[in-house]
Amino acid sequence: MKKTILFIMALVLPVVAGAQVRFAYFSYGEVFGSMPEHAIVQENMKKLASQYEAETKRAEEEFNVKYEEFLEGQRNFAPAILNKRQAELQEIMEKNITFKEEARRLLKQAEADMNMPLKSKLSAVLKRIGMERGYAFILNTDNDACPYIDPAQGTDITAELKELLK
């Protein structure tokens, strides 16, 4: 992200060195987090995550019961039964691991899907503001992308964006 911004600035600034470059900046995370829809997404994600957690817990409990039964009876099992039960336990454990990995992937994808309309809405507002005010670019100041911005040169539009997106 930093490299992209620096690259763009390296291309734009020399061309307009004599002209005043107008730009704005804002905190993407702060604005995104203040959107009312974001709270709804977070609540939906909590519900979905709790469903996956409940299923994971149920599967772990099932495995534990079978494992305890195996431990209690392993001395009395014939070798073929012992091998069969060990294979069953191994299969259950592998399925549980696979489910946990798939659940993480599905949660991440669900969050991205739920956030997509919010990101599109924010992008549309940024584009509109940029075009209306003649900004050459609008910077995202999150994650130390821009460690210093001279407030006399650029405009902080964080508060305005938060208000527009309510």
Protein backbone atom coordinates (compact mmCIF):
# COMPACT_ATOMS: atom_id res chain seq x y z
CA MET A 1 0.00 0.00 0.00
CA LYS A 2 2.78 2.42 0.93
CA LYS A 3 4.65 1.61 -2.26
CA THR A 4 1.54 2.24 -4.35
CA ILE A 5 0.96 5.63 -2.73
CA LEU A 6 4.58 6.64 -3.13
CA PHE A 7 4.55 5.49 -6.76
CA ILE A 8 1.42 7.52 -7.51
CA MET A 9 2.85 10.57 -5.77
CA ALA A 10 6.12 10.18 -7.68
CA LEU A 11 4.18 10.22 -10.96
CA VAL A 12 1.69 12.97 -10.11
CA LEU A 13 3.76 15.52 -8.21
CA PRO A 14 6.45 16.26 -10.84
CA VAL A 15 3.79 16.83 -13.51
CA VAL A 16 1.93 19.33 -11.39
CA ALA A 17 4.92 20.78 -9.55
CA GLY A 18 3.92 24.31 -10.47
CA ALA A 19 0.26 23.78 -9.68
CA GLN A 20 -1.34 23.35 -6.28
CA VAL A 21 -2.24 19.69 -5.82
CA ARG A 22 -5.43 19.25 -3.83
CA PHE A 23 -5.85 16.07 -1.88
CA ALA A 24 -7.79 14.70 1.03
CA TYR A 25 -7.10 12.02 3.58
CA PHE A 26 -9.10 9.95 6.03
CA SER A 27 -8.97 6.92 8.30
CA TYR A 28 -10.62 4.06 6.43
CA GLY A 29 -10.97 1.95 9.56
CA GLU A 30 -12.53 4.75 11.58
CA VAL A 31 -15.02 5.64 8.85
CA PHE A 32 -15.82 2.02 7.97
CA GLY A 33 -16.32 1.14 11.63
CA SER A 34 -18.71 4.05 12.13
CA MET A 35 -21.10 2.95 9.39
CA PRO A 36 -24.39 1.69 10.88
CA GLU A 37 -24.33 -1.31 8.55
CA HIS A 38 -20.98 -2.32 10.01
CA ALA A 39 -22.59 -3.04 13.39
CA ILE A 40 -25.14 -5.27 11.63
CA VAL A 41 -22.37 -7.14 9.83
CA GLN A 42 -20.49 -7.61 13.10
CA GLU A 43 -23.62 -8.98 14.80
CA ASN A 44 -24.29 -11.37 11.90
CA MET A 45 -20.68 -12.52 12.01
CA LYS A 46 -20.94 -13.21 15.75
CA LYS A 47 -24.03 -15.34 15.18
CA LEU A 48 -22.40 -17.27 12.35
CA ALA A 49 -19.19 -17.78 14.32
CA SER A 50 -21.14 -19.06 17.32
CA GLN A 51 -22.87 -21.62 15.09
CA TYR A 52 -19.52 -22.90 13.84
CA GLU A 53 -18.14 -22.90 17.38
CA ALA A 54 -21.13 -24.92 18.63
CA GLU A 55 -20.64 -27.49 15.88
CA THR A 56 -16.92 -27.68 16.59
CA LYS A 57 -17.58 -28.21 20.28
CA ARG A 58 -20.17 -30.90 19.53
CA ALA A 59 -17.72 -32.73 17.27
CA GLU A 60 -14.95 -32.49 19.87
CA GLU A 61 -17.24 -33.88 22.56
CA GLU A 62 -18.24 -36.74 20.27
CA PHE A 63 -14.58 -37.50 19.64
CA ASN A 64 -13.79 -37.39 23.37
CA VAL A 65 -16.60 -39.85 24.20
CA LYS A 66 -15.41 -42.28 21.54
CA TYR A 67 -11.80 -41.88 22.65
CA GLU A 68 -12.71 -42.61 26.27
CA GLU A 69 -14.67 -45.69 25.17
CA PHE A 70 -11.64 -46.78 23.17
CA LEU A 71 -9.29 -46.33 26.12
CA GLU A 72 -11.59 -48.27 28.44
CA GLY A 73 -12.01 -51.19 26.07
CA GLN A 74 -8.70 -51.36 24.23
CA ARG A 75 -7.29 -54.16 26.41
CA ASN A 76 -10.28 -56.36 25.63
CA PHE A 77 -10.49 -55.69 21.89
CA ALA A 78 -9.32 -58.23 19.37
CA PRO A 79 -6.50 -56.84 17.18
CA ALA A 80 -8.82 -56.31 14.20
CA ILE A 81 -11.35 -54.40 16.33
CA LEU A 82 -8.56 -52.36 17.94
CA ASN A 83 -7.23 -51.38 14.50
CA LYS A 84 -10.75 -50.54 13.29
CA ARG A 85 -11.46 -48.31 16.30
CA GLN A 86 -8.08 -46.57 15.96
CA ALA A 87 -8.82 -45.88 12.30
CA GLU A 88 -12.27 -44.52 13.21
CA LEU A 89 -10.77 -42.19 15.79
CA GLN A 90 -8.13 -41.01 13.32
CA GLU A 91 -10.82 -40.36 10.70
CA ILE A 92 -12.98 -38.41 13.17
CA MET A 93 -9.97 -36.33 14.24
CA GLU A 94 -9.04 -35.56 10.63
CA LYS A 95 -12.63 -34.59 9.81
CA ASN A 96 -12.71 -32.28 12.82
CA ILE A 97 -9.47 -30.60 11.76
CA THR A 98 -10.75 -30.22 8.20
CA PHE A 99 -14.03 -28.76 9.50
CA LYS A 100 -12.21 -26.20 11.65
CA GLU A 101 -10.10 -25.08 8.69
CA GLU A 102 -13.14 -24.91 6.42
CA ALA A 103 -15.10 -22.98 9.07
CA ARG A 104 -12.30 -20.39 9.31
CA ARG A 105 -12.26 -20.05 5.54
CA LEU A 106 -16.05 -19.77 5.32
CA LEU A 107 -16.18 -17.17 8.10
CA LYS A 108 -13.54 -15.09 6.37
CA GLN A 109 -15.41 -15.34 3.07
CA ALA A 110 -18.75 -14.51 4.73
CA GLU A 111 -17.25 -11.41 6.32
CA ALA A 112 -15.79 -10.30 2.99
CA ASP A 113 -19.15 -10.88 1.28
CA MET A 114 -21.07 -8.99 3.97
CA ASN A 115 -18.61 -6.08 3.88
CA MET A 116 -18.60 -5.76 0.08
CA PRO A 117 -21.70 -3.50 -0.11
CA LEU A 118 -20.28 -1.27 2.63
CA LYS A 119 -16.96 -0.94 0.82
CA SER A 120 -18.76 -0.15 -2.43
CA LYS A 121 -20.85 2.50 -0.69
CA LEU A 122 -17.74 4.08 0.86
CA SER A 123 -15.91 4.00 -2.48
CA ALA A 124 -18.83 5.70 -4.23
CA VAL A 125 -18.91 8.49 -1.63
CA LEU A 126 -15.13 8.94 -1.89
CA LYS A 127 -15.34 9.16 -5.67
CA ARG A 128 -18.16 11.69 -5.48
CA ILE A 129 -16.29 13.88 -2.97
CA GLY A 130 -13.08 13.63 -4.97
CA MET A 131 -14.75 14.67 -8.20
CA GLU A 132 -16.87 17.43 -6.65
CA ARG A 133 -13.92 19.04 -4.90
CA GLY A 134 -11.29 18.43 -7.54
CA TYR A 135 -8.98 16.31 -5.39
CA ALA A 136 -6.11 14.70 -7.24
CA PHE A 137 -6.30 11.80 -4.78
CA ILE A 138 -7.69 10.76 -1.41
CA LEU A 139 -5.33 8.94 0.93
CA ASN A 140 -6.12 6.29 3.52
CA THR A 141 -4.05 7.12 6.61
CA ASP A 142 -4.47 3.75 8.34
CA ASN A 143 -1.54 1.47 9.18
CA ASP A 144 1.01 4.29 8.97
CA ALA A 145 0.50 4.51 5.20
CA CYS A 146 1.22 8.23 5.46
CA PRO A 147 3.27 8.99 8.55
CA TYR A 148 3.04 12.73 7.90
CA ILE A 149 0.51 14.86 6.06
CA ASP A 150 0.68 18.62 6.20
CA PRO A 151 -2.86 19.70 7.16
CA ALA A 152 -2.32 22.99 5.33
CA GLN A 153 -1.80 21.07 2.07
CA GLY A 154 -4.55 18.45 2.39
CA THR A 155 -8.01 18.13 3.89
CA ASP A 156 -8.99 15.60 6.54
CA ILE A 157 -12.42 14.32 5.48
CA THR A 158 -12.79 11.60 8.15
CA ALA A 159 -15.51 13.37 10.16
CA GLU A 160 -17.39 14.40 7.03
CA LEU A 161 -17.36 10.86 5.67
CA LYS A 162 -18.63 9.49 8.98
CA GLU A 163 -21.52 11.94 8.88
CA LEU A 164 -22.34 11.26 5.21
CA LEU A 165 -22.39 7.50 5.72
CA LYS A 166 -24.74 7.50 8.73
